[in-house]
Structure formats: structure tokens, C-alpha cells
């Protein structure tokens, strides 16, 4: 008896994303039609799933069939990022060897799985898969996406290592601008000082009272101006401190990116040096092989000459043997004739 197909979204999506891309669309639409009457929302969500590229499908196979290998990749990516953050050169070189071995092993496993499924990976798909694995090593978000097993396209490695957060990111509002605007607005909304008399009251008072009131009004006005200037200075200081903190955060991020870039450059230089050494060894082996081939050619030519000479000597020997046989026959014939003459 056939098992009942799954009816929850996660199970359906997992089953679809291990299908070959050529079979994905038809299977997706069929599953959506199956649940359309009982659960229209689920059917809509299923039909919205995108068909994966060949490289994404191969990566999904790894995630669903080889959890242990993908887990090793995620652990190694974390170790690489920590080593880059702490500029651990020796550790980076050791991890680089592990990375090459693990990525090579994952790629070969994916190629075997794809071939067994009847869809061997072309060179461009292998290159996309390699970039996806490199992205998972460099970016924890990419690693989680790979482990989920529902990729629709190849992942791209980040240009720079992920840096620690600090200060506002691009596209986020600047808190200092909002704070300054709010403070300035608060200053502008201050009410006049209580007890301030209108000009009409001054005209009805005595001269010395008018002078006292004017002096008090001038003092209050000066106090208000001083308070406003002090508030503005405090706001300017807060804005400056905020800007300084943001600048320091950007400096920290830039320094982290620089350290990551230097580590990546060192790693690339080490790999290039190893590649050059391997090339030099390969060239040396090629030179030795060419020398051996030349010697073998000389030996073949010498052997060929010896064969020709032996064949020539054998032909001469056969000719000499025939001549000797002919001579022997003639001699025997002459001897027989002589005997016959003597007998007569």
C-alpha cells in the first residue's frame, strides 16, 4: 500500500527540492492541485515555490542526504571566521587545508549524487556549487540557507568578511539627526516666562516702577537667551559626541574589514604559493618524463636498427646456406659421375 503524501508545507517543500530541476515544476503543480480544495492557502504557498537551478539542486541534495558533511562545513566556517577575526595566521593555514579537502569532498559527493539521479553536473554547475559552498563558509546566513536545503539559485560569497556591528548601518536613520531635531524643536516650543507684563501695563505705572520693570524684563530676557544658548550648546555637544561615537564605530568596522581583507589576502598568497610549488613539481616531473621518453625513443631506434641488421645477417646466412647446399649437391653429383666412369 502506497504511503500517504505529506500535507504540511515543510515536508512538501523538502520533498520537492530534492527532485531534479526538470521534474520540479510538474511535481510542484501536482502537489498544489492535490491540496487546492482542502487547503487553498497551502496550495498557493506550494505554487509560489521557485524551481532550483542545477547547482542549487545539487546543494539541496547535500543538505538533505549528508547532514554530517554540511554540519562540518558550518563548523569549519565558524572556525575560519574566528581565526580571521583574531588574525591567527598559522590556524588559518591549517584551516585552509581542511577547507579545500572538505569543499572538494562535498563537491565530489554532489557530483556522485547528481550522476546517480541521472543528471550529471556540467562544469558551470560545479563552479556554481563551489561558490555556494564558499559562501556558506564565509557567511553564517548563507550556511543556514544551505543547511535548510531549499536553495533556488547559487549563493555568492561576500566581498568582505562579516564585521561586528557598531553604529548605524546604511539605510538606517541616523539617531543623532533625530535627537538634534527633537531638542531644537523643544527649545522653540518653550513658553514665555510667567509674570511678563504687556506694554500697556508699563504706561500706567510710575517712572521708577517702569525702570524696575524694564530692568527685570531685560534680566529675564537675558536669562532666557543664556538658557537657550546653554541648551543649544548641550545639544551641539551631544550631537558631536554621537557623531564621534558613530565615527569610532565606523573606524572599528573598517579596521575589522581591513584585518579580514589582510587575512584573506594572506590565505590567497599561501594558496598561490602552494599552487606554484605544485606547478613547479609538475613541470619537473614533465621534464623527467620528456627525458625518459627521449631515451626510450633512442632505445627503440637502436633496437629497430638491431632488428634490421639481424634480419640482414639472417638473410645472408640463408643465402650462404643455399649456396653451400647447391655446392654440396654439385660435388656429390660430380663424385657419382666419377665413380660411374671408373666402373666402366
Protein backbone atom coordinates (compact mmCIF):
# COMPACT_ATOMS: atom_id res chain seq x y z
CA UNK A 1 0.00 0.00 0.00
CA UNK A 2 1.45 3.38 -1.06
CA UNK A 3 2.22 5.82 1.76
CA UNK A 4 0.05 8.90 2.04
CA UNK A 5 1.80 12.02 0.65
CA UNK A 6 2.65 14.74 3.22
CA UNK A 7 0.21 17.60 3.66
CA UNK A 8 2.31 20.16 5.59
CA UNK A 9 4.29 22.81 3.74
CA UNK A 10 7.76 21.96 5.12
CA UNK A 11 7.51 18.29 4.23
CA UNK A 12 6.22 19.08 0.75
CA UNK A 13 8.94 21.67 0.12
CA UNK A 14 11.66 19.30 1.33
CA UNK A 15 10.37 16.56 -0.97
CA UNK A 16 10.20 18.92 -3.97
CA UNK A 17 13.66 20.43 -3.57
CA UNK A 18 15.42 17.07 -3.84
CA UNK A 19 13.76 16.45 -7.22
CA UNK A 20 15.76 17.19 -10.34
CA UNK A 21 15.00 20.67 -11.77
CA UNK A 22 13.44 19.12 -14.87
CA UNK A 23 10.84 17.35 -12.72
CA UNK A 24 10.29 20.16 -10.21
CA UNK A 25 7.61 22.26 -11.88
CA UNK A 26 5.29 19.39 -12.77
CA UNK A 27 5.60 17.84 -9.30
CA UNK A 28 5.03 21.23 -7.63
CA UNK A 29 1.87 21.91 -9.61
CA UNK A 30 0.61 18.39 -8.96
CA UNK A 31 1.05 18.76 -5.19
CA UNK A 32 -0.64 22.17 -5.28
CA UNK A 33 -3.60 20.71 -7.15
CA UNK A 34 -3.86 17.86 -4.62
CA UNK A 35 -4.38 20.21 -1.67
CA UNK A 36 -6.15 23.01 -3.50
CA UNK A 37 -9.64 22.04 -2.31
CA UNK A 38 -8.74 21.11 1.26
CA UNK A 39 -6.26 23.94 1.90
CA UNK A 40 -6.21 26.78 -0.68
CA UNK A 41 -3.58 28.76 1.24
CA UNK A 42 -1.22 25.78 1.32
CA UNK A 43 -1.78 25.25 -2.40
CA UNK A 44 -0.93 28.91 -3.05
CA UNK A 45 2.25 28.65 -0.96
CA UNK A 46 3.32 25.49 -2.80
CA UNK A 47 2.72 27.01 -6.23
CA UNK A 48 4.86 30.01 -5.23
CA UNK A 49 7.94 27.80 -4.81
CA UNK A 50 10.62 28.50 -7.43
CA UNK A 51 12.37 25.84 -9.45
CA UNK A 52 16.04 25.46 -8.40
CA UNK A 53 18.98 25.71 -10.73
CA UNK A 54 21.07 22.58 -11.24
CA UNK A 55 23.74 23.80 -8.82
CA UNK A 56 21.14 24.74 -6.18
CA UNK A 57 19.51 21.31 -6.57
CA UNK A 58 22.89 19.61 -6.05
CA UNK A 59 23.43 21.70 -2.90
CA UNK A 60 19.94 20.75 -1.66
CA UNK A 61 20.80 17.08 -2.14
CA UNK A 62 23.83 17.56 0.09
CA UNK A 63 21.74 19.24 2.77
CA UNK A 64 19.08 16.53 2.80
CA UNK A 65 21.27 13.44 2.35
CA UNK A 66 24.55 14.40 4.05
CA UNK A 67 23.72 16.40 7.18
CA UNK A 68 27.03 15.46 8.79
CA UNK A 69 29.13 16.88 5.95
CA UNK A 70 27.11 20.11 5.83
CA UNK A 71 27.45 20.36 9.62
CA UNK A 72 31.23 20.04 9.27
CA UNK A 73 31.15 22.83 6.69
CA UNK A 74 29.25 25.13 9.07
CA UNK A 75 31.64 24.37 11.94
CA UNK A 76 34.66 24.98 9.72
CA UNK A 77 33.19 28.29 8.50
CA UNK A 78 32.77 29.44 12.11
CA UNK A 79 36.36 28.46 12.89
CA UNK A 80 37.64 30.31 9.80
CA UNK A 81 35.77 33.48 10.72
CA UNK A 82 37.11 33.38 14.27
CA UNK A 83 40.66 32.81 13.02
CA UNK A 84 40.33 35.75 10.61
CA UNK A 85 38.97 37.96 13.37
CA UNK A 86 41.93 37.14 15.62
CA UNK A 87 44.48 37.21 12.74
CA UNK A 88 45.60 33.67 13.59
CA UNK A 89 47.86 33.02 10.60
CA UNK A 90 49.01 29.51 11.50
CA UNK A 91 45.48 28.46 12.34
CA UNK A 92 44.21 29.98 9.09
CA UNK A 93 46.70 27.97 7.06
CA UNK A 94 45.69 24.77 8.79
CA UNK A 95 42.00 25.55 8.33
CA UNK A 96 42.62 26.40 4.68
CA UNK A 97 43.81 22.83 4.06
CA UNK A 98 40.71 21.49 5.81
CA UNK A 99 38.54 23.83 3.73
CA UNK A 100 39.98 22.62 0.45
CA UNK A 101 39.56 18.98 1.44
CA UNK A 102 36.01 19.45 2.73
CA UNK A 103 34.83 21.51 -0.26
CA UNK A 104 36.43 19.01 -2.63
CA UNK A 105 34.76 16.14 -0.79
CA UNK A 106 31.35 17.85 -0.80
CA UNK A 107 31.64 18.69 -4.48
CA UNK A 108 32.58 15.13 -5.40
CA UNK A 109 29.71 13.78 -3.28
CA UNK A 110 27.27 16.14 -5.01
CA UNK A 111 28.57 15.03 -8.42
CA UNK A 112 28.08 11.39 -7.49
CA UNK A 113 24.56 12.03 -6.19
CA UNK A 114 23.61 14.01 -9.29
CA UNK A 115 25.03 11.35 -11.62
CA UNK A 116 23.18 8.62 -9.71
CA UNK A 117 19.97 10.62 -10.16
CA UNK A 118 20.56 10.70 -13.91
CA UNK A 119 21.63 14.36 -14.14
CA UNK A 120 25.45 14.67 -14.16
CA UNK A 121 26.72 18.14 -13.27
CA UNK A 122 28.27 20.23 -16.03
CA UNK A 123 31.36 22.33 -15.37
CA UNK A 124 29.36 25.55 -14.88
CA UNK A 125 27.09 23.85 -12.33
CA UNK A 126 30.15 22.54 -10.48
CA UNK A 127 31.57 26.09 -10.41
CA UNK A 128 28.26 27.46 -9.05
CA UNK A 129 28.20 24.72 -6.41
CA UNK A 130 31.76 25.57 -5.38
CA UNK A 131 30.77 29.25 -4.97
CA UNK A 132 27.77 28.20 -2.89
CA UNK A 133 29.95 26.16 -0.54
CA UNK A 134 32.45 29.04 -0.28
CA UNK A 135 29.59 31.41 0.57
CA UNK A 136 28.42 29.04 3.32
CA UNK A 137 31.95 29.03 4.74
CA UNK A 138 32.17 32.84 4.79
CA UNK A 139 28.64 33.85 5.82
CA UNK A 140 26.60 32.22 8.62
CA UNK A 141 23.33 33.27 6.94
CA UNK A 142 24.41 31.51 3.76
CA UNK A 143 25.37 28.46 5.81
CA UNK A 144 21.90 28.32 7.36
CA UNK A 145 20.30 28.71 3.93
CA UNK A 146 22.39 25.81 2.62
CA UNK A 147 21.52 23.62 5.61
CA UNK A 148 17.81 24.31 5.09
CA UNK A 149 18.04 22.57 1.72
CA UNK A 150 15.69 24.83 -0.26
CA UNK A 151 18.05 26.88 -2.40
CA UNK A 152 16.75 28.04 -5.76
CA UNK A 153 19.98 29.61 -7.04
CA UNK A 154 23.69 29.50 -6.29
CA UNK A 155 24.93 31.57 -3.36
CA UNK A 156 27.64 34.17 -3.87
CA UNK A 157 30.50 34.60 -1.35
CA UNK A 158 30.63 38.07 0.29
CA UNK A 159 33.30 40.50 -0.89
CA UNK A 160 34.44 41.10 2.69
CA UNK A 161 34.20 39.06 5.88
CA UNK A 162 31.20 39.81 8.09
CA UNK A 163 32.16 42.53 10.59
CA UNK A 164 30.84 43.11 14.08
CA UNK A 165 28.00 45.58 14.36
CA UNK A 166 28.66 49.09 15.57
CA UNK A 167 26.93 52.36 14.65
CA UNK A 168 24.06 52.81 12.21
CA UNK A 169 24.14 50.75 9.03
CA UNK A 170 23.46 52.04 5.56
CA UNK A 171 19.80 52.70 5.08
CA UNK A 172 19.08 53.11 8.82
CA UNK A 173 18.08 56.52 10.24
CA UNK A 174 20.80 58.49 11.98
CA UNK A 175 19.85 58.75 15.65
CA UNK A 176 21.89 61.95 16.13
CA UNK A 177 19.90 63.82 13.48
CA UNK A 178 16.61 62.87 15.12
CA UNK A 179 17.87 63.79 18.57
CA UNK A 180 19.13 67.19 17.43
CA UNK A 181 15.90 67.98 15.62
CA UNK A 182 13.83 66.97 18.63
CA UNK A 183 15.90 69.05 21.00
CA UNK A 184 15.77 72.13 18.76
CA UNK A 185 12.01 71.73 18.44
CA UNK A 186 11.70 71.56 22.21
CA UNK A 187 13.64 74.79 22.58
CA UNK A 188 11.41 76.51 20.04
CA UNK A 189 8.27 75.41 21.92
CA UNK A 190 9.22 76.97 25.24
CA UNK A 191 6.59 79.26 26.69
CA UNK A 192 7.24 82.91 27.68
CA UNK A 193 8.30 83.45 31.27
CA UNK A 194 5.38 83.72 33.69
CA UNK A 195 4.62 87.17 35.07
CA UNK A 196 5.64 89.04 31.94
CA UNK A 197 3.52 92.19 31.62
CA UNK A 198 2.20 93.59 28.37
CA UNK A 199 3.43 97.07 27.27
CA UNK A 200 0.10 98.65 28.22
CA UNK A 201 0.79 97.96 31.89
CA UNK A 202 4.08 99.86 31.77
CA UNK A 203 2.33 103.05 30.64
CA UNK A 204 0.13 103.04 33.77
CA UNK A 205 2.96 102.68 36.34
CA UNK A 206 5.23 105.27 37.94
CA UNK A 207 8.58 106.11 36.28
CA UNK A 208 10.71 104.24 38.87
CA UNK A 209 8.39 101.27 38.59
CA UNK A 210 8.71 101.44 34.82
CA UNK A 211 12.53 101.37 35.14
CA UNK A 212 12.40 98.45 37.59
CA UNK A 213 10.01 96.52 35.38
CA UNK A 214 12.18 97.19 32.32
CA UNK A 215 15.28 96.08 34.16
CA UNK A 216 13.55 92.91 35.36
CA UNK A 217 12.29 92.24 31.86
CA UNK A 218 15.80 92.70 30.46
CA UNK A 219 17.21 90.32 33.04
CA UNK A 220 14.58 87.72 32.26
CA UNK A 221 15.22 88.12 28.55
CA UNK A 222 18.96 87.72 29.11
CA UNK A 223 18.35 84.66 31.27
CA UNK A 224 16.17 83.13 28.57
CA UNK A 225 18.82 83.78 25.96
CA UNK A 226 21.51 82.25 28.20
CA UNK A 227 19.32 79.19 28.79
CA UNK A 228 18.67 78.86 25.07
CA UNK A 229 22.39 79.14 24.28
CA UNK A 230 23.20 76.63 27.01
CA UNK A 231 20.58 74.22 25.66
CA UNK A 232 21.91 74.68 22.15
CA UNK A 233 25.48 74.10 23.36
CA UNK A 234 24.39 70.95 25.19
CA UNK A 235 22.59 69.75 22.06
CA UNK A 236 25.61 70.53 19.93
CA UNK A 237 27.84 68.66 22.40
CA UNK A 238 25.51 65.65 22.42
CA UNK A 239 25.40 65.66 18.63
CA UNK A 240 29.19 65.90 18.49
CA UNK A 241 29.58 63.02 20.94
CA UNK A 242 27.08 60.98 18.94
CA UNK A 243 28.92 61.74 15.72
CA UNK A 244 32.22 60.84 17.41
CA UNK A 245 30.76 57.52 18.60
CA UNK A 246 29.45 56.76 15.12
CA UNK A 247 32.78 57.66 13.57
CA UNK A 248 34.55 55.41 16.08
CA UNK A 249 32.15 52.60 15.20
CA UNK A 250 32.85 53.08 11.52
CA UNK A 251 36.59 53.04 12.25
CA UNK A 252 36.22 49.77 14.18
CA UNK A 253 34.25 48.21 11.32
CA UNK A 254 36.80 49.46 8.78
CA UNK A 255 39.66 48.05 10.85
CA UNK A 256 37.86 44.72 11.14
CA UNK A 257 37.25 44.68 7.39
CA UNK A 258 40.92 45.55 6.84
CA UNK A 259 42.07 42.73 9.12
CA UNK A 260 39.72 40.35 7.34
CA UNK A 261 40.98 41.50 3.95
CA UNK A 262 44.59 41.07 5.02
CA UNK A 263 43.86 37.62 6.35
CA UNK A 264 42.08 36.71 3.13
CA UNK A 265 45.00 38.10 1.13
CA UNK A 266 47.47 36.06 3.21
CA UNK A 267 45.34 32.99 2.70
CA UNK A 268 45.22 33.63 -1.04
CA UNK A 269 49.00 34.18 -1.12
CA UNK A 270 49.56 30.89 0.70
CA UNK A 271 47.30 29.06 -1.73
CA UNK A 272 49.05 30.73 -4.68
CA UNK A 273 52.45 29.68 -3.29
CA UNK A 274 51.25 26.11 -2.89
CA UNK A 275 49.86 26.19 -6.42
CA UNK A 276 53.18 27.50 -7.75
CA UNK A 277 55.06 24.77 -5.88
CA UNK A 278 52.71 22.14 -7.27
CA UNK A 279 53.16 23.58 -10.78
CA UNK A 280 56.95 23.56 -10.40
CA UNK A 281 56.86 19.93 -9.26
CA UNK A 282 54.56 19.05 -12.14
CA UNK A 283 56.86 20.80 -14.61
CA UNK A 284 59.84 18.95 -13.14
CA UNK A 285 58.02 15.63 -13.47
CA UNK A 286 57.09 16.58 -17.04
CA UNK A 287 60.73 17.34 -17.85
CA UNK A 288 61.83 14.00 -16.40
CA UNK A 289 59.11 12.25 -18.35
CA UNK A 290 60.17 14.00 -21.56
CA UNK A 291 63.79 12.91 -20.94
CA UNK A 292 62.69 9.35 -20.28
CA UNK A 293 60.58 9.43 -23.44
CA UNK A 294 63.56 10.67 -25.46
CA UNK A 295 65.74 7.89 -24.07
CA UNK A 296 63.05 5.36 -24.81
CA UNK A 297 62.81 6.68 -28.38
CA UNK A 298 66.57 6.25 -28.77
CA UNK A 299 66.37 2.73 -27.40
CA UNK A 300 63.52 1.92 -29.78
CA UNK A 301 65.51 3.26 -32.72
CA UNK A 302 68.59 1.28 -31.67
CA UNK A 303 66.51 -1.85 -31.23
CA UNK A 304 64.90 -1.25 -34.62
CA UNK A 305 68.35 -0.89 -36.23
CA UNK A 306 69.49 -4.08 -34.49
CA UNK A 307 66.43 -5.92 -35.79
CA UNK A 308 67.13 -4.73 -39.32
CA UNK A 309 70.80 -5.76 -39.01
CA UNK A 310 69.85 -9.17 -37.61
CA UNK A 311 67.34 -9.67 -40.39
CA UNK A 312 70.02 -8.75 -42.94
CA UNK A 313 72.53 -11.16 -41.38
CA UNK A 314 69.88 -13.87 -41.28
CA UNK A 315 69.13 -13.30 -44.97
CA UNK A 316 72.83 -13.52 -45.82
CA UNK A 317 73.15 -16.66 -43.72
CA UNK A 318 70.20 -18.22 -45.54
CA UNK A 319 71.79 -17.29 -48.88
CA UNK A 320 75.13 -18.76 -47.82
CA UNK A 321 73.36 -21.92 -46.67
CA UNK A 322 71.61 -22.25 -50.03
CA UNK A 323 74.88 -21.73 -51.89
CA UNK A 324 76.61 -24.34 -49.69
CA UNK A 325 73.76 -26.78 -50.31
CA UNK A 326 73.97 -26.19 -54.04
CA UNK A 327 77.73 -26.69 -53.96
CA UNK A 328 77.32 -29.87 -51.94
CA UNK A 329 74.82 -31.21 -54.45
CA UNK A 330 77.12 -30.46 -57.34
CA UNK A 331 80.06 -32.08 -55.58
CA UNK A 332 78.05 -35.17 -54.81
CA UNK A 333 76.86 -35.28 -58.43
CA UNK A 334 80.42 -34.98 -59.73
CA UNK A 335 81.58 -37.71 -57.38
CA UNK A 336 78.82 -40.01 -58.51
CA UNK A 337 79.79 -39.41 -62.15
CA UNK A 338 83.42 -40.16 -61.48
CA UNK A 339 82.54 -43.42 -59.82
CA UNK A 340 80.45 -44.44 -62.78
CA UNK A 341 83.35 -43.75 -65.15
CA UNK A 342 85.73 -45.87 -63.13
CA UNK A 343 83.30 -48.72 -63.04
CA UNK A 344 83.00 -48.70 -66.86
